[in-house]
């Protein structure tokens, strides 16, 4: 599809992105949990006396976690299309995707503790 109007392309790309977010909120339990955590963290950021830069940094790091969760969910869906039966290679791929989220969540916990106590 060739777009002659860049604004139409931007509109369509935004609509697809919003559709993906809605799908994730409706169908991906882990993403819903992370969205709830994000809302709670934003409330904490309103209460805790931090600089604006620290607030933006901490919120942004959790947004990155949510973005990584979207990548994880999309890749897992692709893995499921390859084969529904158990395959060690697919399990390893899914486990590594899960590990990336685990690392990001652990790093966020470290950052939040460090920033709140520093």
PDB file of N, CA and C in Angstrom:
ATOM      1  N   UNK A   1       0.845  -1.169   0.000  1.00  0.00           N
ATOM      2  CA  UNK A   1       0.000   0.000   0.000  1.00  0.00           C
ATOM      3  C   UNK A   1       0.895   1.238   0.000  1.00  0.00           C
ATOM      4  N   UNK A   2       0.717   2.106  -0.980  1.00  0.00           N
ATOM      5  CA  UNK A   2       1.510   3.329  -1.105  1.00  0.00           C
ATOM      6  C   UNK A   2       0.660   4.498  -0.621  1.00  0.00           C
ATOM      7  N   UNK A   3       1.242   5.270   0.301  1.00  0.00           N
ATOM      8  CA  UNK A   3       0.548   6.440   0.831  1.00  0.00           C
ATOM      9  C   UNK A   3       1.123   7.696   0.184  1.00  0.00           C
ATOM     10  N   UNK A   4       0.270   8.463  -0.400  1.00  0.00           N
ATOM     11  CA  UNK A   4       0.707   9.740  -0.968  1.00  0.00           C
ATOM     12  C   UNK A   4       0.625  10.842   0.083  1.00  0.00           C
ATOM     13  N   UNK A   5      -0.190  10.610   1.103  1.00  0.00           N
ATOM     14  CA  UNK A   5      -0.381  11.605   2.147  1.00  0.00           C
ATOM     15  C   UNK A   5       0.291  11.096   3.434  1.00  0.00           C
ATOM     16  N   UNK A   6       1.377  11.750   3.869  1.00  0.00           N
ATOM     17  CA  UNK A   6       2.064  11.271   5.079  1.00  0.00           C
ATOM     18  C   UNK A   6       1.196  11.367   6.335  1.00  0.00           C
ATOM     19  N   UNK A   7       0.246  12.272   6.351  1.00  0.00           N
ATOM     20  CA  UNK A   7      -0.626  12.396   7.518  1.00  0.00           C
ATOM     21  C   UNK A   7      -1.576  11.201   7.613  1.00  0.00           C
ATOM     22  N   UNK A   8      -2.021  10.711   6.451  1.00  0.00           N
ATOM     23  CA  UNK A   8      -2.863   9.514   6.452  1.00  0.00           C
ATOM     24  C   UNK A   8      -2.052   8.322   6.945  1.00  0.00           C
ATOM     25  N   UNK A   9      -0.801   8.221   6.528  1.00  0.00           N
ATOM     26  CA  UNK A   9       0.086   7.141   6.980  1.00  0.00           C
ATOM     27  C   UNK A   9       0.276   7.216   8.496  1.00  0.00           C
ATOM     28  N   UNK A  10       0.509   8.412   9.009  1.00  0.00           N
ATOM     29  CA  UNK A  10       0.681   8.607  10.445  1.00  0.00           C
ATOM     30  C   UNK A  10      -0.597   8.252  11.194  1.00  0.00           C
ATOM     31  N   UNK A  11      -1.737   8.651  10.645  1.00  0.00           N
ATOM     32  CA  UNK A  11      -3.017   8.327  11.265  1.00  0.00           C
ATOM     33  C   UNK A  11      -3.212   6.817  11.321  1.00  0.00           C
ATOM     34  N   UNK A  12      -2.988   6.135  10.205  1.00  0.00           N
ATOM     35  CA  UNK A  12      -3.175   4.686  10.158  1.00  0.00           C
ATOM     36  C   UNK A  12      -2.202   3.968  11.084  1.00  0.00           C
ATOM     37  N   UNK A  13      -0.951   4.401  11.107  1.00  0.00           N
ATOM     38  CA  UNK A  13       0.041   3.776  11.986  1.00  0.00           C
ATOM     39  C   UNK A  13      -0.365   3.948  13.445  1.00  0.00           C
ATOM     40  N   UNK A  14      -0.866   5.122  13.789  1.00  0.00           N
ATOM     41  CA  UNK A  14      -1.319   5.364  15.159  1.00  0.00           C
ATOM     42  C   UNK A  14      -2.517   4.495  15.497  1.00  0.00           C
ATOM     43  N   UNK A  15      -3.427   4.348  14.550  1.00  0.00           N
ATOM     44  CA  UNK A  15      -4.612   3.510  14.783  1.00  0.00           C
ATOM     45  C   UNK A  15      -4.204   2.055  15.006  1.00  0.00           C
ATOM     46  N   UNK A  16      -3.238   1.561  14.227  1.00  0.00           N
ATOM     47  CA  UNK A  16      -2.761   0.188  14.412  1.00  0.00           C
ATOM     48  C   UNK A  16      -2.112   0.023  15.784  1.00  0.00           C
ATOM     49  N   UNK A  17      -1.343   1.016  16.198  1.00  0.00           N
ATOM     50  CA  UNK A  17      -0.679   0.948  17.499  1.00  0.00           C
ATOM     51  C   UNK A  17      -1.679   0.937  18.636  1.00  0.00           C
ATOM     52  N   UNK A  18      -2.681   1.787  18.546  1.00  0.00           N
ATOM     53  CA  UNK A  18      -3.713   1.831  19.580  1.00  0.00           C
ATOM     54  C   UNK A  18      -4.489   0.513  19.598  1.00  0.00           C
ATOM     55  N   UNK A  19      -4.748  -0.048  18.426  1.00  0.00           N
ATOM     56  CA  UNK A  19      -5.410  -1.343  18.343  1.00  0.00           C
ATOM     57  C   UNK A  19      -4.579  -2.421  19.043  1.00  0.00           C
ATOM     58  N   UNK A  20      -3.261  -2.379  18.866  1.00  0.00           N
ATOM     59  CA  UNK A  20      -2.376  -3.332  19.537  1.00  0.00           C
ATOM     60  C   UNK A  20      -2.405  -3.169  21.045  1.00  0.00           C
ATOM     61  N   UNK A  21      -2.427  -1.930  21.514  1.00  0.00           N
ATOM     62  CA  UNK A  21      -2.505  -1.685  22.959  1.00  0.00           C
ATOM     63  C   UNK A  21      -3.821  -2.199  23.533  1.00  0.00           C
ATOM     64  N   UNK A  22      -4.909  -1.935  22.830  1.00  0.00           N
ATOM     65  CA  UNK A  22      -6.217  -2.411  23.292  1.00  0.00           C
ATOM     66  C   UNK A  22      -6.241  -3.932  23.327  1.00  0.00           C
ATOM     67  N   UNK A  23      -5.696  -4.564  22.284  1.00  0.00           N
ATOM     68  CA  UNK A  23      -5.639  -6.033  22.259  1.00  0.00           C
ATOM     69  C   UNK A  23      -4.838  -6.559  23.449  1.00  0.00           C
ATOM     70  N   UNK A  24      -3.698  -5.937  23.720  1.00  0.00           N
ATOM     71  CA  UNK A  24      -2.862  -6.387  24.839  1.00  0.00           C
ATOM     72  C   UNK A  24      -3.585  -6.209  26.168  1.00  0.00           C
ATOM     73  N   UNK A  25      -4.258  -5.093  26.344  1.00  0.00           N
ATOM     74  CA  UNK A  25      -4.985  -4.873  27.598  1.00  0.00           C
ATOM     75  C   UNK A  25      -6.128  -5.869  27.770  1.00  0.00           C
ATOM     76  N   UNK A  26      -6.760  -6.252  26.679  1.00  0.00           N
ATOM     77  CA  UNK A  26      -7.889  -7.179  26.762  1.00  0.00           C
ATOM     78  C   UNK A  26      -7.460  -8.636  26.879  1.00  0.00           C
ATOM     79  N   UNK A  27      -6.330  -8.985  26.256  1.00  0.00           N
ATOM     80  CA  UNK A  27      -5.995 -10.399  26.091  1.00  0.00           C
ATOM     81  C   UNK A  27      -4.698 -10.860  26.747  1.00  0.00           C
ATOM     82  N   UNK A  28      -3.866  -9.959  27.197  1.00  0.00           N
ATOM     83  CA  UNK A  28      -2.568 -10.347  27.763  1.00  0.00           C
ATOM     84  C   UNK A  28      -2.542 -10.014  29.257  1.00  0.00           C
ATOM     85  N   UNK A  29      -2.661 -11.051  30.077  1.00  0.00           N
ATOM     86  CA  UNK A  29      -2.748 -10.859  31.518  1.00  0.00           C
ATOM     87  C   UNK A  29      -1.511 -10.148  32.072  1.00  0.00           C
ATOM     88  N   UNK A  30      -0.328 -10.541  31.623  1.00  0.00           N
ATOM     89  CA  UNK A  30       0.904  -9.922  32.130  1.00  0.00           C
ATOM     90  C   UNK A  30       0.929  -8.428  31.803  1.00  0.00           C
ATOM     91  N   UNK A  31       0.481  -8.056  30.614  1.00  0.00           N
ATOM     92  CA  UNK A  31       0.465  -6.639  30.246  1.00  0.00           C
ATOM     93  C   UNK A  31      -0.531  -5.877  31.107  1.00  0.00           C
ATOM     94  N   UNK A  32      -1.670  -6.494  31.395  1.00  0.00           N
ATOM     95  CA  UNK A  32      -2.647  -5.840  32.287  1.00  0.00           C
ATOM     96  C   UNK A  32      -2.048  -5.612  33.668  1.00  0.00           C
ATOM     97  N   UNK A  33      -1.346  -6.618  34.199  1.00  0.00           N
ATOM     98  CA  UNK A  33      -0.690  -6.456  35.498  1.00  0.00           C
ATOM     99  C   UNK A  33       0.295  -5.298  35.455  1.00  0.00           C
ATOM    100  N   UNK A  34       1.078  -5.250  34.398  1.00  0.00           N
ATOM    101  CA  UNK A  34       2.078  -4.184  34.298  1.00  0.00           C
ATOM    102  C   UNK A  34       1.424  -2.816  34.148  1.00  0.00           C
ATOM    103  N   UNK A  35       0.273  -2.752  33.488  1.00  0.00           N
ATOM    104  CA  UNK A  35      -0.452  -1.489  33.373  1.00  0.00           C
ATOM    105  C   UNK A  35      -0.978  -1.039  34.735  1.00  0.00           C
ATOM    106  N   UNK A  36      -1.467  -1.986  35.526  1.00  0.00           N
ATOM    107  CA  UNK A  36      -1.940  -1.661  36.876  1.00  0.00           C
ATOM    108  C   UNK A  36      -0.767  -1.193  37.738  1.00  0.00           C
ATOM    109  N   UNK A  37       0.349  -1.880  37.645  1.00  0.00           N
ATOM    110  CA  UNK A  37       1.545  -1.464  38.394  1.00  0.00           C
ATOM    111  C   UNK A  37       1.969  -0.071  37.961  1.00  0.00           C
ATOM    112  N   UNK A  38       1.915   0.208  36.664  1.00  0.00           N
ATOM    113  CA  UNK A  38       2.281   1.538  36.166  1.00  0.00           C
ATOM    114  C   UNK A  38       1.396   2.613  36.792  1.00  0.00           C
ATOM    115  N   UNK A  39       0.096   2.365  36.851  1.00  0.00           N
ATOM    116  CA  UNK A  39      -0.820   3.339  37.465  1.00  0.00           C
ATOM    117  C   UNK A  39      -0.486   3.546  38.939  1.00  0.00           C
ATOM    118  N   UNK A  40      -0.210   2.444  39.646  1.00  0.00           N
ATOM    119  CA  UNK A  40       0.154   2.557  41.064  1.00  0.00           C
ATOM    120  C   UNK A  40       1.461   3.321  41.227  1.00  0.00           C
ATOM    121  N   UNK A  41       2.423   3.040  40.370  1.00  0.00           N
ATOM    122  CA  UNK A  41       3.710   3.743  40.455  1.00  0.00           C
ATOM    123  C   UNK A  41       3.551   5.228  40.165  1.00  0.00           C
ATOM    124  N   UNK A  42       2.668   5.565  39.240  1.00  0.00           N
ATOM    125  CA  UNK A  42       2.420   6.985  38.957  1.00  0.00           C
ATOM    126  C   UNK A  42       1.815   7.685  40.168  1.00  0.00           C
ATOM    127  N   UNK A  43       0.932   6.999  40.879  1.00  0.00           N
ATOM    128  CA  UNK A  43       0.373   7.582  42.105  1.00  0.00           C
ATOM    129  C   UNK A  43       1.463   7.786  43.150  1.00  0.00           C
ATOM    130  N   UNK A  44       2.346   6.807  43.271  1.00  0.00           N
ATOM    131  CA  UNK A  44       3.469   6.941  44.212  1.00  0.00           C
ATOM    132  C   UNK A  44       4.338   8.129  43.827  1.00  0.00           C
ATOM    133  N   UNK A  45       4.576   8.291  42.526  1.00  0.00           N
ATOM    134  CA  UNK A  45       5.414   9.409  42.068  1.00  0.00           C
ATOM    135  C   UNK A  45       4.789  10.760  42.382  1.00  0.00           C
ATOM    136  N   UNK A  46       3.465  10.813  42.479  1.00  0.00           N
ATOM    137  CA  UNK A  46       2.807  12.071  42.843  1.00  0.00           C
ATOM    138  C   UNK A  46       2.995  12.400  44.321  1.00  0.00           C
ATOM    139  N   UNK A  47       3.211  11.379  45.125  1.00  0.00           N
ATOM    140  CA  UNK A  47       3.306  11.557  46.578  1.00  0.00           C
ATOM    141  C   UNK A  47       4.743  11.759  47.038  1.00  0.00           C
ATOM    142  N   UNK A  48       5.646  10.973  46.486  1.00  0.00           N
ATOM    143  CA  UNK A  48       7.039  10.967  46.948  1.00  0.00           C
ATOM    144  C   UNK A  48       7.767  12.215  46.440  1.00  0.00           C
ATOM    145  N   UNK A  49       8.525  12.860  47.327  1.00  0.00           N
ATOM    146  CA  UNK A  49       9.248  14.071  46.914  1.00  0.00           C
ATOM    147  C   UNK A  49      10.514  13.737  46.113  1.00  0.00           C
ATOM    148  N   UNK A  50      10.377  13.737  44.798  1.00  0.00           N
ATOM    149  CA  UNK A  50      11.504  13.504  43.899  1.00  0.00           C
ATOM    150  C   UNK A  50      11.564  14.640  42.889  1.00  0.00           C
ATOM    151  N   UNK A  51      12.718  14.795  42.280  1.00  0.00           N
ATOM    152  CA  UNK A  51      12.826  15.797  41.221  1.00  0.00           C
ATOM    153  C   UNK A  51      12.014  15.334  40.019  1.00  0.00           C
ATOM    154  N   UNK A  52      11.665  16.271  39.166  1.00  0.00           N
ATOM    155  CA  UNK A  52      10.897  15.944  37.967  1.00  0.00           C
ATOM    156  C   UNK A  52      11.670  14.955  37.103  1.00  0.00           C
ATOM    157  N   UNK A  53      12.978  15.139  36.985  1.00  0.00           N
ATOM    158  CA  UNK A  53      13.792  14.230  36.166  1.00  0.00           C
ATOM    159  C   UNK A  53      13.741  12.803  36.701  1.00  0.00           C
ATOM    160  N   UNK A  54      13.817  12.650  38.014  1.00  0.00           N
ATOM    161  CA  UNK A  54      13.748  11.302  38.597  1.00  0.00           C
ATOM    162  C   UNK A  54      12.374  10.682  38.381  1.00  0.00           C
ATOM    163  N   UNK A  55      11.348  11.488  38.494  1.00  0.00           N
ATOM    164  CA  UNK A  55       9.991  10.977  38.268  1.00  0.00           C
ATOM    165  C   UNK A  55       9.833  10.492  36.826  1.00  0.00           C
ATOM    166  N   UNK A  56      10.272  11.314  35.903  1.00  0.00           N
ATOM    167  CA  UNK A  56      10.170  10.947  34.486  1.00  0.00           C
ATOM    168  C   UNK A  56      11.012   9.698  34.200  1.00  0.00           C
ATOM    169  N   UNK A  57      12.200   9.644  34.775  1.00  0.00           N
ATOM    170  CA  UNK A  57      13.080   8.495  34.568  1.00  0.00           C
ATOM    171  C   UNK A  57      12.434   7.211  35.092  1.00  0.00           C
ATOM    172  N   UNK A  58      11.921   7.248  36.310  1.00  0.00           N
ATOM    173  CA  UNK A  58      11.318   6.050  36.894  1.00  0.00           C
ATOM    174  C   UNK A  58      10.067   5.615  36.131  1.00  0.00           C
ATOM    175  N   UNK A  59       9.229   6.563  35.758  1.00  0.00           N
ATOM    176  CA  UNK A  59       8.031   6.213  34.976  1.00  0.00           C
ATOM    177  C   UNK A  59       8.444   5.666  33.611  1.00  0.00           C
ATOM    178  N   UNK A  60       9.430   6.298  33.005  1.00  0.00           N
ATOM    179  CA  UNK A  60       9.901   5.864  31.689  1.00  0.00           C
ATOM    180  C   UNK A  60      10.482   4.465  31.696  1.00  0.00           C
ATOM    181  N   UNK A  61      11.178   4.113  32.769  1.00  0.00           N
ATOM    182  CA  UNK A  61      11.737   2.765  32.846  1.00  0.00           C
ATOM    183  C   UNK A  61      10.626   1.722  32.931  1.00  0.00           C
ATOM    184  N   UNK A  62       9.528   2.058  33.599  1.00  0.00           N
ATOM    185  CA  UNK A  62       8.429   1.089  33.644  1.00  0.00           C
ATOM    186  C   UNK A  62       7.716   1.024  32.295  1.00  0.00           C
ATOM    187  N   UNK A  63       7.634   2.163  31.597  1.00  0.00           N
ATOM    188  CA  UNK A  63       7.059   2.155  30.246  1.00  0.00           C
ATOM    189  C   UNK A  63       7.899   1.249  29.336  1.00  0.00           C
ATOM    190  N   UNK A  64       9.219   1.286  29.482  1.00  0.00           N
ATOM    191  CA  UNK A  64      10.080   0.384  28.710  1.00  0.00           C
ATOM    192  C   UNK A  64       9.781  -1.079  29.043  1.00  0.00           C
ATOM    193  N   UNK A  65       9.518  -1.357  30.303  1.00  0.00           N
ATOM    194  CA  UNK A  65       9.150  -2.714  30.701  1.00  0.00           C
ATOM    195  C   UNK A  65       7.869  -3.143  29.993  1.00  0.00           C
ATOM    196  N   UNK A  66       6.896  -2.253  29.939  1.00  0.00           N
ATOM    197  CA  UNK A  66       5.640  -2.569  29.268  1.00  0.00           C
ATOM    198  C   UNK A  66       5.854  -2.764  27.764  1.00  0.00           C
ATOM    199  N   UNK A  67       6.722  -1.956  27.173  1.00  0.00           N
ATOM    200  CA  UNK A  67       7.021  -2.114  25.748  1.00  0.00           C
ATOM    201  C   UNK A  67       7.688  -3.466  25.490  1.00  0.00           C
ATOM    202  N   UNK A  68       8.592  -3.854  26.377  1.00  0.00           N
ATOM    203  CA  UNK A  68       9.246  -5.153  26.239  1.00  0.00           C
ATOM    204  C   UNK A  68       8.231  -6.281  26.400  1.00  0.00           C
ATOM    205  N   UNK A  69       7.245  -6.090  27.249  1.00  0.00           N
ATOM    206  CA  UNK A  69       6.187  -7.090  27.411  1.00  0.00           C
ATOM    207  C   UNK A  69       5.390  -7.246  26.120  1.00  0.00           C
ATOM    208  N   UNK A  70       5.159  -6.152  25.415  1.00  0.00           N
ATOM    209  CA  UNK A  70       4.466  -6.238  24.132  1.00  0.00           C
ATOM    210  C   UNK A  70       5.285  -7.041  23.117  1.00  0.00           C
ATOM    211  N   UNK A  71       6.596  -6.818  23.100  1.00  0.00           N
ATOM    212  CA  UNK A  71       7.477  -7.589  22.213  1.00  0.00           C
ATOM    213  C   UNK A  71       7.427  -9.061  22.601  1.00  0.00           C
ATOM    214  N   UNK A  72       7.485  -9.330  23.899  1.00  0.00           N
ATOM    215  CA  UNK A  72       7.420 -10.700  24.403  1.00  0.00           C
ATOM    216  C   UNK A  72       6.118 -11.375  23.951  1.00  0.00           C
ATOM    217  N   UNK A  73       5.007 -10.704  24.136  1.00  0.00           N
ATOM    218  CA  UNK A  73       3.710 -11.282  23.773  1.00  0.00           C
ATOM    219  C   UNK A  73       3.619 -11.532  22.271  1.00  0.00           C
ATOM    220  N   UNK A  74       4.086 -10.586  21.475  1.00  0.00           N
ATOM    221  CA  UNK A  74       4.037 -10.751  20.018  1.00  0.00           C
ATOM    222  C   UNK A  74       4.908 -11.922  19.569  1.00  0.00           C
ATOM    223  N   UNK A  75       6.100 -12.028  20.131  1.00  0.00           N
ATOM    224  CA  UNK A  75       6.998 -13.125  19.755  1.00  0.00           C
ATOM    225  C   UNK A  75       6.422 -14.470  20.198  1.00  0.00           C
ATOM    226  N   UNK A  76       5.827 -14.516  21.373  1.00  0.00           N
ATOM    227  CA  UNK A  76       5.217 -15.772  21.820  1.00  0.00           C
ATOM    228  C   UNK A  76       4.080 -16.192  20.895  1.00  0.00           C
ATOM    229  N   UNK A  77       3.293 -15.221  20.425  1.00  0.00           N
ATOM    230  CA  UNK A  77       2.230 -15.548  19.469  1.00  0.00           C
ATOM    231  C   UNK A  77       2.841 -16.122  18.188  1.00  0.00           C
ATOM    232  N   UNK A  78       3.942 -15.557  17.748  1.00  0.00           N
ATOM    233  CA  UNK A  78       4.605 -16.072  16.548  1.00  0.00           C
ATOM    234  C   UNK A  78       5.123 -17.488  16.796  1.00  0.00           C
ATOM    235  N   UNK A  79       5.711 -17.724  17.963  1.00  0.00           N
ATOM    236  CA  UNK A  79       6.171 -19.076  18.301  1.00  0.00           C
ATOM    237  C   UNK A  79       5.003 -20.064  18.269  1.00  0.00           C
ATOM    238  N   UNK A  80       3.845 -19.639  18.781  1.00  0.00           N
ATOM    239  CA  UNK A  80       2.685 -20.525  18.802  1.00  0.00           C
ATOM    240  C   UNK A  80       2.214 -20.885  17.390  1.00  0.00           C
ATOM    241  N   UNK A  81       2.448 -20.011  16.438  1.00  0.00           N
ATOM    242  CA  UNK A  81       2.079 -20.307  15.056  1.00  0.00           C
ATOM    243  C   UNK A  81       3.008 -21.346  14.435  1.00  0.00           C
ATOM    244  N   UNK A  82       4.233 -21.407  14.922  1.00  0.00           N
ATOM    245  CA  UNK A  82       5.206 -22.353  14.372  1.00  0.00           C
ATOM    246  C   UNK A  82       4.788 -23.781  14.675  1.00  0.00           C
ATOM    247  N   UNK A  83       4.449 -24.031  15.930  1.00  0.00           N
ATOM    248  CA  UNK A  83       4.088 -25.399  16.309  1.00  0.00           C
ATOM    249  C   UNK A  83       3.393 -25.361  17.662  1.00  0.00           C
ATOM    250  N   UNK A  84       2.230 -25.972  17.743  1.00  0.00           N
ATOM    251  CA  UNK A  84       1.483 -26.032  19.012  1.00  0.00           C
ATOM    252  C   UNK A  84       2.005 -27.138  19.924  1.00  0.00           C
ATOM    253  N   UNK A  85       2.715 -28.092  19.344  1.00  0.00           N
ATOM    254  CA  UNK A  85       3.256 -29.195  20.132  1.00  0.00           C
ATOM    255  C   UNK A  85       4.505 -28.749  20.868  1.00  0.00           C
ATOM    256  N   UNK A  86       4.843 -29.486  21.928  1.00  0.00           N
ATOM    257  CA  UNK A  86       6.041 -29.151  22.697  1.00  0.00           C
ATOM    258  C   UNK A  86       7.283 -29.354  21.838  1.00  0.00           C
ATOM    259  N   UNK A  87       8.093 -28.324  21.789  1.00  0.00           N
ATOM    260  CA  UNK A  87       9.410 -28.418  21.153  1.00  0.00           C
ATOM    261  C   UNK A  87      10.395 -27.692  22.059  1.00  0.00           C
ATOM    262  N   UNK A  88      11.509 -28.319  22.385  1.00  0.00           N
ATOM    263  CA  UNK A  88      12.470 -27.694  23.286  1.00  0.00           C
ATOM    264  C   UNK A  88      12.982 -26.340  22.786  1.00  0.00           C
ATOM    265  N   UNK A  89      13.114 -26.195  21.469  1.00  0.00           N
ATOM    266  CA  UNK A  89      13.607 -24.927  20.913  1.00  0.00           C
ATOM    267  C   UNK A  89      12.605 -23.796  21.146  1.00  0.00           C
ATOM    268  N   UNK A  90      11.323 -24.119  20.973  1.00  0.00           N
ATOM    269  CA  UNK A  90      10.288 -23.103  21.191  1.00  0.00           C
ATOM    270  C   UNK A  90      10.203 -22.762  22.674  1.00  0.00           C
ATOM    271  N   UNK A  91      10.281 -23.784  23.524  1.00  0.00           N
ATOM    272  CA  UNK A  91      10.266 -23.524  24.966  1.00  0.00           C
ATOM    273  C   UNK A  91      11.438 -22.634  25.358  1.00  0.00           C
ATOM    274  N   UNK A  92      12.628 -22.930  24.822  1.00  0.00           N
ATOM    275  CA  UNK A  92      13.810 -22.117  25.144  1.00  0.00           C
ATOM    276  C   UNK A  92      13.607 -20.670  24.692  1.00  0.00           C
ATOM    277  N   UNK A  93      13.060 -20.484  23.508  1.00  0.00           N
ATOM    278  CA  UNK A  93      12.805 -19.125  23.020  1.00  0.00           C
ATOM    279  C   UNK A  93      11.825 -18.376  23.901  1.00  0.00           C
ATOM    280  N   UNK A  94      10.737 -19.051  24.276  1.00  0.00           N
ATOM    281  CA  UNK A  94       9.754 -18.417  25.157  1.00  0.00           C
ATOM    282  C   UNK A  94      10.345 -18.127  26.533  1.00  0.00           C
ATOM    283  N   UNK A  95      11.153 -19.038  27.033  1.00  0.00           N
ATOM    284  CA  UNK A  95      11.786 -18.826  28.340  1.00  0.00           C
ATOM    285  C   UNK A  95      12.743 -17.634  28.297  1.00  0.00           C
ATOM    286  N   UNK A  96      13.472 -17.484  27.206  1.00  0.00           N
ATOM    287  CA  UNK A  96      14.388 -16.337  27.087  1.00  0.00           C
ATOM    288  C   UNK A  96      13.625 -15.025  26.996  1.00  0.00           C
ATOM    289  N   UNK A  97      12.506 -15.033  26.289  1.00  0.00           N
ATOM    290  CA  UNK A  97      11.659 -13.838  26.256  1.00  0.00           C
ATOM    291  C   UNK A  97      11.163 -13.492  27.652  1.00  0.00           C
ATOM    292  N   UNK A  98      10.721 -14.510  28.374  1.00  0.00           N
ATOM    293  CA  UNK A  98      10.262 -14.303  29.747  1.00  0.00           C
ATOM    294  C   UNK A  98      11.401 -13.777  30.619  1.00  0.00           C
ATOM    295  N   UNK A  99      12.595 -14.301  30.402  1.00  0.00           N
ATOM    296  CA  UNK A  99      13.759 -13.849  31.181  1.00  0.00           C
ATOM    297  C   UNK A  99      14.055 -12.373  30.930  1.00  0.00           C
ATOM    298  N   UNK A 100      13.813 -11.908  29.712  1.00  0.00           N
ATOM    299  CA  UNK A 100      14.064 -10.487  29.431  1.00  0.00           C
ATOM    300  C   UNK A 100      13.134  -9.606  30.256  1.00  0.00           C
ATOM    301  N   UNK A 101      11.890 -10.024  30.405  1.00  0.00           N
ATOM    302  CA  UNK A 101      10.946  -9.278  31.240  1.00  0.00           C
ATOM    303  C   UNK A 101      11.375  -9.356  32.704  1.00  0.00           C
ATOM    304  N   UNK A 102      11.764 -10.534  33.142  1.00  0.00           N
ATOM    305  CA  UNK A 102      12.215 -10.725  34.524  1.00  0.00           C
ATOM    306  C   UNK A 102      13.396  -9.807  34.848  1.00  0.00           C
ATOM    307  N   UNK A 103      14.363  -9.737  33.955  1.00  0.00           N
ATOM    308  CA  UNK A 103      15.528  -8.865  34.167  1.00  0.00           C
ATOM    309  C   UNK A 103      15.086  -7.410  34.251  1.00  0.00           C
ATOM    310  N   UNK A 104      14.183  -7.008  33.365  1.00  0.00           N
ATOM    311  CA  UNK A 104      13.729  -5.617  33.352  1.00  0.00           C
ATOM    312  C   UNK A 104      12.951  -5.274  34.624  1.00  0.00           C
ATOM    313  N   UNK A 105      12.121  -6.184  35.091  1.00  0.00           N
ATOM    314  CA  UNK A 105      11.368  -5.943  36.329  1.00  0.00           C
ATOM    315  C   UNK A 105      12.328  -5.859  37.513  1.00  0.00           C
ATOM    316  N   UNK A 106      13.284  -6.773  37.589  1.00  0.00           N
ATOM    317  CA  UNK A 106      14.273  -6.731  38.678  1.00  0.00           C
ATOM    318  C   UNK A 106      15.062  -5.428  38.656  1.00  0.00           C
ATOM    319  N   UNK A 107      15.451  -4.985  37.463  1.00  0.00           N
ATOM    320  CA  UNK A 107      16.182  -3.724  37.346  1.00  0.00           C
ATOM    321  C   UNK A 107      15.313  -2.558  37.797  1.00  0.00           C
ATOM    322  N   UNK A 108      14.028  -2.596  37.445  1.00  0.00           N
ATOM    323  CA  UNK A 108      13.119  -1.538  37.888  1.00  0.00           C
ATOM    324  C   UNK A 108      12.984  -1.515  39.404  1.00  0.00           C
ATOM    325  N   UNK A 109      12.877  -2.676  40.011  1.00  0.00           N
ATOM    326  CA  UNK A 109      12.804  -2.729  41.478  1.00  0.00           C
ATOM    327  C   UNK A 109      14.050  -2.111  42.084  1.00  0.00           C
ATOM    328  N   UNK A 110      15.219  -2.479  41.555  1.00  0.00           N
ATOM    329  CA  UNK A 110      16.476  -1.895  42.033  1.00  0.00           C
ATOM    330  C   UNK A 110      16.455  -0.371  41.881  1.00  0.00           C
ATOM    331  N   UNK A 111      16.050   0.110  40.702  1.00  0.00           N
ATOM    332  CA  UNK A 111      16.020   1.559  40.465  1.00  0.00           C
ATOM    333  C   UNK A 111      15.093   2.274  41.437  1.00  0.00           C
ATOM    334  N   UNK A 112      13.899   1.724  41.633  1.00  0.00           N
ATOM    335  CA  UNK A 112      12.939   2.360  42.513  1.00  0.00           C
ATOM    336  C   UNK A 112      13.456   2.401  43.951  1.00  0.00           C
ATOM    337  N   UNK A 113      14.002   1.311  44.419  1.00  0.00           N
ATOM    338  CA  UNK A 113      14.555   1.285  45.785  1.00  0.00           C
ATOM    339  C   UNK A 113      15.698   2.280  45.892  1.00  0.00           C
ATOM    340  N   UNK A 114      16.591   2.272  44.933  1.00  0.00           N
ATOM    341  CA  UNK A 114      17.742   3.180  44.946  1.00  0.00           C
ATOM    342  C   UNK A 114      17.300   4.636  44.931  1.00  0.00           C
ATOM    343  N   UNK A 115      16.374   4.968  44.018  1.00  0.00           N
ATOM    344  CA  UNK A 115      15.930   6.370  43.887  1.00  0.00           C
ATOM    345  C   UNK A 115      15.135   6.844  45.099  1.00  0.00           C
ATOM    346  N   UNK A 116      14.361   5.950  45.682  1.00  0.00           N
ATOM    347  CA  UNK A 116      13.548   6.357  46.845  1.00  0.00           C
ATOM    348  C   UNK A 116      14.383   6.469  48.114  1.00  0.00           C
ATOM    349  N   UNK A 117      15.446   5.694  48.185  1.00  0.00           N
ATOM    350  CA  UNK A 117      16.290   5.738  49.386  1.00  0.00           C
ATOM    351  C   UNK A 117      17.485   6.682  49.267  1.00  0.00           C
ATOM    352  N   UNK A 118      17.817   7.068  48.060  1.00  0.00           N
ATOM    353  CA  UNK A 118      18.999   7.934  47.851  1.00  0.00           C
ATOM    354  C   UNK A 118      18.690   9.375  48.154  1.00  0.00           C
TER     355      UNK A 118
END
